[in-house]
PDB file of N, CA and C in Angstrom:
ATOM      1  N   MET A   1       0.805  -1.171  -0.130  1.00  0.00           N
ATOM      2  CA  MET A   1       0.051   0.070   0.034  1.00  0.00           C
ATOM      3  C   MET A   1       0.922   1.339  -0.011  1.00  0.00           C
ATOM      4  N   ALA A   2       0.478   2.214  -0.776  1.00  0.00           N
ATOM      5  CA  ALA A   2       1.283   3.470  -0.791  1.00  0.00           C
ATOM      6  C   ALA A   2       1.150   4.090   0.535  1.00  0.00           C
ATOM      7  N   TYR A   3       2.277   4.960   0.927  1.00  0.00           N
ATOM      8  CA  TYR A   3       2.282   5.396   2.206  1.00  0.00           C
ATOM      9  C   TYR A   3       2.868   6.885   2.086  1.00  0.00           C
ATOM     10  N   GLY A   4       2.333   7.750   2.920  1.00  0.00           N
ATOM     11  CA  GLY A   4       2.813   9.274   2.841  1.00  0.00           C
ATOM     12  C   GLY A   4       4.091   9.351   3.353  1.00  0.00           C
ATOM     13  N   VAL A   5       4.942  10.215   2.790  1.00  0.00           N
ATOM     14  CA  VAL A   5       6.385  10.378   3.206  1.00  0.00           C
ATOM     15  C   VAL A   5       6.651  11.821   3.374  1.00  0.00           C
ATOM     16  N   ASP A   6       7.665  12.298   4.205  1.00  0.00           N
ATOM     17  CA  ASP A   6       8.063  13.601   4.244  1.00  0.00           C
ATOM     18  C   ASP A   6       8.834  14.043   3.035  1.00  0.00           C
ATOM     19  N   PHE A   7       8.822  15.145   2.689  1.00  0.00           N
ATOM     20  CA  PHE A   7       9.461  15.669   1.445  1.00  0.00           C
ATOM     21  C   PHE A   7       9.900  17.146   1.619  1.00  0.00           C
ATOM     22  N   THR A   8      10.966  17.497   0.760  1.00  0.00           N
ATOM     23  CA  THR A   8      11.496  18.920   0.911  1.00  0.00           C
ATOM     24  C   THR A   8      10.338  19.906   0.518  1.00  0.00           C
ATOM     25  N   GLY A   9      10.065  20.703   1.375  1.00  0.00           N
ATOM     26  CA  GLY A   9       8.990  21.683   1.190  1.00  0.00           C
ATOM     27  C   GLY A   9       7.871  21.579   1.987  1.00  0.00           C
ATOM     28  N   SER A  10       7.760  20.458   2.704  1.00  0.00           N
ATOM     29  CA  SER A  10       6.585  20.176   3.606  1.00  0.00           C
ATOM     30  C   SER A  10       6.750  21.194   4.693  1.00  0.00           C
ATOM     31  N   ASN A  11       5.526  21.678   5.131  1.00  0.00           N
ATOM     32  CA  ASN A  11       5.552  22.785   6.276  1.00  0.00           C
ATOM     33  C   ASN A  11       4.592  22.482   7.398  1.00  0.00           C
ATOM     34  N   VAL A  12       3.861  21.484   7.199  1.00  0.00           N
ATOM     35  CA  VAL A  12       2.830  21.081   8.225  1.00  0.00           C
ATOM     36  C   VAL A  12       2.673  19.582   8.304  1.00  0.00           C
ATOM     37  N   THR A  13       2.465  19.088   9.591  1.00  0.00           N
ATOM     38  CA  THR A  13       2.117  17.650   9.759  1.00  0.00           C
ATOM     39  C   THR A  13       0.806  17.538  10.195  1.00  0.00           C
ATOM     40  N   LEU A  14      -0.079  16.674   9.485  1.00  0.00           N
ATOM     41  CA  LEU A  14      -1.429  16.473   9.809  1.00  0.00           C
ATOM     42  C   LEU A  14      -1.340  15.302  10.711  1.00  0.00           C
ATOM     43  N   ALA A  15      -2.017  15.356  11.856  1.00  0.00           N
ATOM     44  CA  ALA A  15      -2.061  14.243  12.872  1.00  0.00           C
ATOM     45  C   ALA A  15      -3.068  13.324  12.444  1.00  0.00           C
ATOM     46  N   ALA A  16      -3.026  12.142  12.827  1.00  0.00           N
ATOM     47  CA  ALA A  16      -4.096  11.153  12.684  1.00  0.00           C
ATOM     48  C   ALA A  16      -5.217  11.418  13.603  1.00  0.00           C
ATOM     49  N   PRO A  17      -6.495  11.130  13.163  1.00  0.00           N
ATOM     50  CA  PRO A  17      -7.524  11.374  14.042  1.00  0.00           C
ATOM     51  C   PRO A  17      -7.429  10.570  15.303  1.00  0.00           C
ATOM     52  N   PRO A  18      -7.897  11.069  16.547  1.00  0.00           N
ATOM     53  CA  PRO A  18      -7.791  10.313  17.758  1.00  0.00           C
ATOM     54  C   PRO A  18      -8.446   8.946  17.582  1.00  0.00           C
ATOM     55  N   GLY A  19      -7.866   7.999  18.161  1.00  0.00           N
ATOM     56  CA  GLY A  19      -8.484   6.673  18.049  1.00  0.00           C
ATOM     57  C   GLY A  19      -8.274   5.830  16.888  1.00  0.00           C
ATOM     58  N   ARG A  20      -7.588   6.404  15.864  1.00  0.00           N
ATOM     59  CA  ARG A  20      -7.381   5.798  14.573  1.00  0.00           C
ATOM     60  C   ARG A  20      -6.029   5.365  14.344  1.00  0.00           C
ATOM     61  N   ASP A  21      -5.744   4.038  14.899  1.00  0.00           N
ATOM     62  CA  ASP A  21      -4.361   3.491  14.877  1.00  0.00           C
ATOM     63  C   ASP A  21      -4.091   3.023  13.297  1.00  0.00           C
ATOM     64  N   ASP A  22      -5.029   2.974  12.472  1.00  0.00           N
ATOM     65  CA  ASP A  22      -4.889   2.603  11.058  1.00  0.00           C
ATOM     66  C   ASP A  22      -4.625   3.791  10.145  1.00  0.00           C
ATOM     67  N   VAL A  23      -4.380   5.002  10.765  1.00  0.00           N
ATOM     68  CA  VAL A  23      -4.040   6.205  10.035  1.00  0.00           C
ATOM     69  C   VAL A  23      -2.784   6.868  10.543  1.00  0.00           C
ATOM     70  N   SER A  24      -1.853   7.120   9.620  1.00  0.00           N
ATOM     71  CA  SER A  24      -0.481   7.710  10.063  1.00  0.00           C
ATOM     72  C   SER A  24      -0.696   9.259   9.919  1.00  0.00           C
ATOM     73  N   ALA A  25       0.168   9.936  10.613  1.00  0.00           N
ATOM     74  CA  ALA A  25       0.393  11.437  10.415  1.00  0.00           C
ATOM     75  C   ALA A  25       0.810  11.658   9.019  1.00  0.00           C
ATOM     76  N   LEU A  26       0.543  12.767   8.441  1.00  0.00           N
ATOM     77  CA  LEU A  26       0.914  13.010   7.013  1.00  0.00           C
ATOM     78  C   LEU A  26       1.639  14.448   6.916  1.00  0.00           C
ATOM     79  N   HIS A  27       2.847  14.362   6.358  1.00  0.00           N
ATOM     80  CA  HIS A  27       3.493  15.589   6.092  1.00  0.00           C
ATOM     81  C   HIS A  27       3.006  16.320   4.779  1.00  0.00           C
ATOM     82  N   VAL A  28       2.707  17.631   4.877  1.00  0.00           N
ATOM     83  CA  VAL A  28       2.258  18.246   3.630  1.00  0.00           C
ATOM     84  C   VAL A  28       2.769  19.580   3.505  1.00  0.00           C
ATOM     85  N   PHE A  29       2.622  20.152   2.398  1.00  0.00           N
ATOM     86  CA  PHE A  29       2.932  21.536   2.034  1.00  0.00           C
ATOM     87  C   PHE A  29       1.503  22.169   1.987  1.00  0.00           C
ATOM     88  N   ARG A  30       1.340  23.129   2.872  1.00  0.00           N
ATOM     89  CA  ARG A  30       0.083  23.851   2.788  1.00  0.00           C
ATOM     90  C   ARG A  30       0.223  25.413   2.632  1.00  0.00           C
ATOM     91  N   ASN A  31      -0.429  25.936   1.595  1.00  0.00           N
ATOM     92  CA  ASN A  31      -0.290  27.447   1.421  1.00  0.00           C
ATOM     93  C   ASN A  31      -1.388  27.881   0.472  1.00  0.00           C
ATOM     94  N   ARG A  32      -1.965  28.942   0.624  1.00  0.00           N
ATOM     95  CA  ARG A  32      -2.934  29.582  -0.243  1.00  0.00           C
ATOM     96  C   ARG A  32      -4.039  28.567  -0.803  1.00  0.00           C
ATOM     97  N   GLY A  33      -4.725  27.860   0.098  1.00  0.00           N
ATOM     98  CA  GLY A  33      -5.745  27.155  -0.241  1.00  0.00           C
ATOM     99  C   GLY A  33      -5.348  25.786  -0.957  1.00  0.00           C
ATOM    100  N   MET A  34      -4.135  25.334  -0.792  1.00  0.00           N
ATOM    101  CA  MET A  34      -3.627  24.166  -1.528  1.00  0.00           C
ATOM    102  C   MET A  34      -2.851  23.324  -0.484  1.00  0.00           C
ATOM    103  N   VAL A  35      -3.139  21.910  -0.611  1.00  0.00           N
ATOM    104  CA  VAL A  35      -2.336  21.148   0.473  1.00  0.00           C
ATOM    105  C   VAL A  35      -1.709  20.098  -0.558  1.00  0.00           C
ATOM    106  N   VAL A  36      -0.357  19.813  -0.464  1.00  0.00           N
ATOM    107  CA  VAL A  36       0.207  18.802  -1.332  1.00  0.00           C
ATOM    108  C   VAL A  36       0.876  17.852  -0.391  1.00  0.00           C
ATOM    109  N   SER A  37       0.746  16.481  -0.636  1.00  0.00           N
ATOM    110  CA  SER A  37       1.357  15.384   0.087  1.00  0.00           C
ATOM    111  C   SER A  37       2.117  14.555  -0.946  1.00  0.00           C
ATOM    112  N   CYS A  38       3.046  13.900  -0.405  1.00  0.00           N
ATOM    113  CA  CYS A  38       3.921  13.030  -1.167  1.00  0.00           C
ATOM    114  C   CYS A  38       3.702  11.502  -0.704  1.00  0.00           C
ATOM    115  N   TRP A  39       3.522  10.571  -1.703  1.00  0.00           N
ATOM    116  CA  TRP A  39       3.234   9.218  -1.422  1.00  0.00           C
ATOM    117  C   TRP A  39       4.339   8.348  -2.207  1.00  0.00           C
ATOM    118  N   GLU A  40       4.681   7.346  -1.506  1.00  0.00           N
ATOM    119  CA  GLU A  40       5.645   6.340  -2.134  1.00  0.00           C
ATOM    120  C   GLU A  40       4.878   5.029  -2.231  1.00  0.00           C
ATOM    121  N   LEU A  41       5.183   4.457  -3.348  1.00  0.00           N
ATOM    122  CA  LEU A  41       4.552   3.178  -3.743  1.00  0.00           C
ATOM    123  C   LEU A  41       5.490   2.012  -3.475  1.00  0.00           C
ATOM    124  N   GLU A  42       4.904   0.870  -3.174  1.00  0.00           N
ATOM    125  CA  GLU A  42       5.802  -0.408  -3.001  1.00  0.00           C
ATOM    126  C   GLU A  42       6.257  -0.868  -4.463  1.00  0.00           C
ATOM    127  N   PRO A  43       7.303  -1.623  -4.473  1.00  0.00           N
ATOM    128  CA  PRO A  43       7.681  -2.159  -5.803  1.00  0.00           C
ATOM    129  C   PRO A  43       6.632  -2.882  -6.641  1.00  0.00           C
ATOM    130  N   ALA A  44       5.919  -3.622  -5.980  1.00  0.00           N
ATOM    131  CA  ALA A  44       4.795  -4.310  -6.720  1.00  0.00           C
ATOM    132  C   ALA A  44       3.678  -3.348  -7.255  1.00  0.00           C
ATOM    133  N   GLU A  45       3.377  -2.356  -6.495  1.00  0.00           N
ATOM    134  CA  GLU A  45       2.523  -1.293  -6.899  1.00  0.00           C
ATOM    135  C   GLU A  45       3.125  -0.467  -8.088  1.00  0.00           C
ATOM    136  N   LEU A  46       4.442  -0.299  -8.151  1.00  0.00           N
ATOM    137  CA  LEU A  46       5.014   0.492  -9.156  1.00  0.00           C
ATOM    138  C   LEU A  46       4.923  -0.426 -10.510  1.00  0.00           C
ATOM    139  N   GLU A  47       5.092  -1.718 -10.353  1.00  0.00           N
ATOM    140  CA  GLU A  47       5.080  -2.657 -11.490  1.00  0.00           C
ATOM    141  C   GLU A  47       3.610  -2.659 -12.071  1.00  0.00           C
ATOM    142  N   GLU A  48       2.590  -2.659 -11.096  1.00  0.00           N
ATOM    143  CA  GLU A  48       1.287  -2.558 -11.603  1.00  0.00           C
ATOM    144  C   GLU A  48       0.854  -1.357 -12.382  1.00  0.00           C
ATOM    145  N   VAL A  49       1.422  -0.207 -11.805  1.00  0.00           N
ATOM    146  CA  VAL A  49       1.238   1.127 -12.465  1.00  0.00           C
ATOM    147  C   VAL A  49       1.807   1.163 -13.835  1.00  0.00           C
ATOM    148  N   ALA A  50       3.033   0.606 -13.881  1.00  0.00           N
ATOM    149  CA  ALA A  50       3.740   0.533 -15.110  1.00  0.00           C
ATOM    150  C   ALA A  50       3.064  -0.361 -16.136  1.00  0.00           C
ATOM    151  N   GLN A  51       2.327  -1.317 -15.696  1.00  0.00           N
ATOM    152  CA  GLN A  51       1.536  -2.217 -16.645  1.00  0.00           C
ATOM    153  C   GLN A  51       0.288  -1.622 -17.064  1.00  0.00           C
ATOM    154  N   THR A  52      -0.456  -0.993 -16.110  1.00  0.00           N
ATOM    155  CA  THR A  52      -1.806  -0.562 -16.406  1.00  0.00           C
ATOM    156  C   THR A  52      -1.854   0.945 -16.685  1.00  0.00           C
ATOM    157  N   GLY A  53      -0.898   1.756 -16.245  1.00  0.00           N
ATOM    158  CA  GLY A  53      -0.942   3.129 -16.275  1.00  0.00           C
ATOM    159  C   GLY A  53      -2.062   3.780 -15.488  1.00  0.00           C
ATOM    160  N   ARG A  54      -2.616   3.098 -14.531  1.00  0.00           N
ATOM    161  CA  ARG A  54      -3.637   3.567 -13.622  1.00  0.00           C
ATOM    162  C   ARG A  54      -3.300   3.598 -12.205  1.00  0.00           C
ATOM    163  N   ILE A  55      -3.835   4.576 -11.468  1.00  0.00           N
ATOM    164  CA  ILE A  55      -3.898   4.591  -9.943  1.00  0.00           C
ATOM    165  C   ILE A  55      -5.301   5.097  -9.536  1.00  0.00           C
ATOM    166  N   PHE A  56      -5.584   4.740  -8.281  1.00  0.00           N
ATOM    167  CA  PHE A  56      -6.932   5.090  -7.839  1.00  0.00           C
ATOM    168  C   PHE A  56      -6.638   6.074  -6.657  1.00  0.00           C
ATOM    169  N   LEU A  57      -7.556   6.912  -6.441  1.00  0.00           N
ATOM    170  CA  LEU A  57      -7.618   7.904  -5.270  1.00  0.00           C
ATOM    171  C   LEU A  57      -8.877   7.714  -4.426  1.00  0.00           C
ATOM    172  N   SER A  58      -8.672   7.445  -3.132  1.00  0.00           N
ATOM    173  CA  SER A  58      -9.772   7.216  -2.217  1.00  0.00           C
ATOM    174  C   SER A  58      -9.693   8.309  -1.163  1.00  0.00           C
ATOM    175  N   ILE A  59     -10.850   9.008  -1.004  1.00  0.00           N
ATOM    176  CA  ILE A  59     -11.053  10.004   0.029  1.00  0.00           C
ATOM    177  C   ILE A  59     -12.074   9.546   0.998  1.00  0.00           C
ATOM    178  N   MET A  60     -11.848   9.603   2.283  1.00  0.00           N
ATOM    179  CA  MET A  60     -12.932   9.367   3.222  1.00  0.00           C
ATOM    180  C   MET A  60     -13.874  10.385   3.298  1.00  0.00           C
ATOM    181  N   GLY A  61     -15.241   9.985   3.363  1.00  0.00           N
ATOM    182  CA  GLY A  61     -16.328  10.935   3.258  1.00  0.00           C
ATOM    183  C   GLY A  61     -17.212  10.693   2.150  1.00  0.00           C
ATOM    184  N   GLN A  62     -18.178  11.614   1.778  1.00  0.00           N
ATOM    185  CA  GLN A  62     -19.180  11.422   0.800  1.00  0.00           C
ATOM    186  C   GLN A  62     -18.892  12.270  -0.465  1.00  0.00           C
ATOM    187  N   THR A  63     -17.887  13.053  -0.428  1.00  0.00           N
ATOM    188  CA  THR A  63     -17.560  13.754  -1.749  1.00  0.00           C
ATOM    189  C   THR A  63     -16.082  13.808  -1.893  1.00  0.00           C
ATOM    190  N   MET A  64     -15.623  14.356  -3.056  1.00  0.00           N
ATOM    191  CA  MET A  64     -14.274  14.389  -3.430  1.00  0.00           C
ATOM    192  C   MET A  64     -13.897  15.860  -3.794  1.00  0.00           C
ATOM    193  N   ALA A  65     -13.009  16.502  -3.265  1.00  0.00           N
ATOM    194  CA  ALA A  65     -12.588  17.825  -3.572  1.00  0.00           C
ATOM    195  C   ALA A  65     -11.742  17.704  -4.865  1.00  0.00           C
ATOM    196  N   PRO A  66     -11.648  18.830  -5.578  1.00  0.00           N
ATOM    197  CA  PRO A  66     -10.859  18.886  -6.820  1.00  0.00           C
ATOM    198  C   PRO A  66      -9.433  18.330  -6.360  1.00  0.00           C
ATOM    199  N   SER A  67      -8.750  17.320  -7.151  1.00  0.00           N
ATOM    200  CA  SER A  67      -7.471  16.802  -6.719  1.00  0.00           C
ATOM    201  C   SER A  67      -6.605  16.801  -7.956  1.00  0.00           C
ATOM    202  N   PHE A  68      -5.388  16.687  -7.752  1.00  0.00           N
ATOM    203  CA  PHE A  68      -4.319  16.656  -8.734  1.00  0.00           C
ATOM    204  C   PHE A  68      -3.260  15.644  -8.229  1.00  0.00           C
ATOM    205  N   ILE A  69      -2.958  14.738  -9.296  1.00  0.00           N
ATOM    206  CA  ILE A  69      -1.910  13.755  -8.899  1.00  0.00           C
ATOM    207  C   ILE A  69      -0.765  13.782  -9.932  1.00  0.00           C
ATOM    208  N   GLY A  70       0.408  13.918  -9.516  1.00  0.00           N
ATOM    209  CA  GLY A  70       1.527  14.076 -10.464  1.00  0.00           C
ATOM    210  C   GLY A  70       2.886  13.692  -9.804  1.00  0.00           C
ATOM    211  N   THR A  71       3.965  13.702 -10.643  1.00  0.00           N
ATOM    212  CA  THR A  71       5.295  13.407 -10.146  1.00  0.00           C
ATOM    213  C   THR A  71       5.739  14.724  -9.474  1.00  0.00           C
ATOM    214  N   GLU A  72       7.000  14.494  -8.846  1.00  0.00           N
ATOM    215  CA  GLU A  72       7.474  15.808  -8.179  1.00  0.00           C
ATOM    216  C   GLU A  72       7.752  16.874  -9.055  1.00  0.00           C
ATOM    217  N   SER A  73       8.354  16.683 -10.212  1.00  0.00           N
ATOM    218  CA  SER A  73       8.628  17.692 -11.159  1.00  0.00           C
ATOM    219  C   SER A  73       7.306  18.448 -11.661  1.00  0.00           C
ATOM    220  N   ILE A  74       6.328  17.653 -11.945  1.00  0.00           N
ATOM    221  CA  ILE A  74       5.007  18.204 -12.400  1.00  0.00           C
ATOM    222  C   ILE A  74       4.432  18.950 -11.271  1.00  0.00           C
ATOM    223  N   MET A  75       4.420  18.502 -10.005  1.00  0.00           N
ATOM    224  CA  MET A  75       3.793  19.090  -8.931  1.00  0.00           C
ATOM    225  C   MET A  75       4.572  20.450  -8.632  1.00  0.00           C
ATOM    226  N   ARG A  76       5.777  20.447  -8.710  1.00  0.00           N
ATOM    227  CA  ARG A  76       6.543  21.800  -8.570  1.00  0.00           C
ATOM    228  C   ARG A  76       6.090  22.785  -9.649  1.00  0.00           C
ATOM    229  N   GLU A  77       6.003  22.375 -10.929  1.00  0.00           N
ATOM    230  CA  GLU A  77       5.540  23.190 -11.925  1.00  0.00           C
ATOM    231  C   GLU A  77       4.057  23.738 -11.651  1.00  0.00           C
ATOM    232  N   PHE A  78       3.233  22.763 -11.247  1.00  0.00           N
ATOM    233  CA  PHE A  78       1.804  23.056 -10.945  1.00  0.00           C
ATOM    234  C   PHE A  78       1.855  24.118  -9.819  1.00  0.00           C
ATOM    235  N   THR A  79       2.526  23.931  -8.667  1.00  0.00           N
ATOM    236  CA  THR A  79       2.431  24.881  -7.644  1.00  0.00           C
ATOM    237  C   THR A  79       3.129  26.265  -7.946  1.00  0.00           C
ATOM    238  N   ALA A  80       4.172  26.185  -8.841  1.00  0.00           N
ATOM    239  CA  ALA A  80       4.646  27.434  -9.302  1.00  0.00           C
ATOM    240  C   ALA A  80       3.665  28.288 -10.112  1.00  0.00           C
ATOM    241  N   ASP A  81       2.741  27.673 -10.817  1.00  0.00           N
ATOM    242  CA  ASP A  81       1.721  28.383 -11.555  1.00  0.00           C
ATOM    243  C   ASP A  81       1.024  29.117 -10.789  1.00  0.00           C
ATOM    244  N   PHE A  82       0.677  28.728  -9.529  1.00  0.00           N
ATOM    245  CA  PHE A  82       0.046  29.432  -8.362  1.00  0.00           C
ATOM    246  C   PHE A  82       0.788  30.315  -7.587  1.00  0.00           C
ATOM    247  N   GLY A  83       2.104  30.338  -7.760  1.00  0.00           N
ATOM    248  CA  GLY A  83       2.998  31.348  -7.125  1.00  0.00           C
ATOM    249  C   GLY A  83       3.293  30.775  -5.667  1.00  0.00           C
ATOM    250  N   ILE A  84       3.202  29.426  -5.447  1.00  0.00           N
ATOM    251  CA  ILE A  84       3.467  28.951  -4.114  1.00  0.00           C
ATOM    252  C   ILE A  84       4.319  27.720  -4.191  1.00  0.00           C
ATOM    253  N   LEU A  85       5.415  27.909  -4.852  1.00  0.00           N
ATOM    254  CA  LEU A  85       6.452  26.842  -5.011  1.00  0.00           C
ATOM    255  C   LEU A  85       7.030  26.413  -3.801  1.00  0.00           C
ATOM    256  N   PRO A  86       7.032  25.164  -3.370  1.00  0.00           N
ATOM    257  CA  PRO A  86       7.804  24.750  -2.143  1.00  0.00           C
ATOM    258  C   PRO A  86       9.185  24.906  -2.258  1.00  0.00           C
ATOM    259  N   ARG A  87       9.857  25.135  -1.206  1.00  0.00           N
ATOM    260  CA  ARG A  87      11.409  25.251  -1.271  1.00  0.00           C
ATOM    261  C   ARG A  87      12.062  23.950  -1.791  1.00  0.00           C
ATOM    262  N   GLN A  88      13.192  24.159  -2.411  1.00  0.00           N
ATOM    263  CA  GLN A  88      14.007  23.003  -2.876  1.00  0.00           C
ATOM    264  C   GLN A  88      15.079  22.761  -1.971  1.00  0.00           C
ATOM    265  N   ALA A  89      15.623  21.509  -1.843  1.00  0.00           N
ATOM    266  CA  ALA A  89      16.698  21.225  -0.933  1.00  0.00           C
ATOM    267  C   ALA A  89      18.028  21.778  -1.570  1.00  0.00           C
TER     268      ALA A  89
END
């Protein structure tokens, strides 16, 4: 299963909800109405993505906010378009 990882530019850590041992804290970059997180895939997941070209996004709740999924370089370009480029190492 993919898992959230810390990354250069993260500036907030979102805590797991109380009593949820199945949810980890998540490092994010948050600024001007945008929240960016970084996820790492297991080798088997990478193989499946390479074969299918598909990933799925699951959000808890009854609706889904506008979302964007991309590589680090694409995400940096995307956030730069909004003038909120995370700092680089």
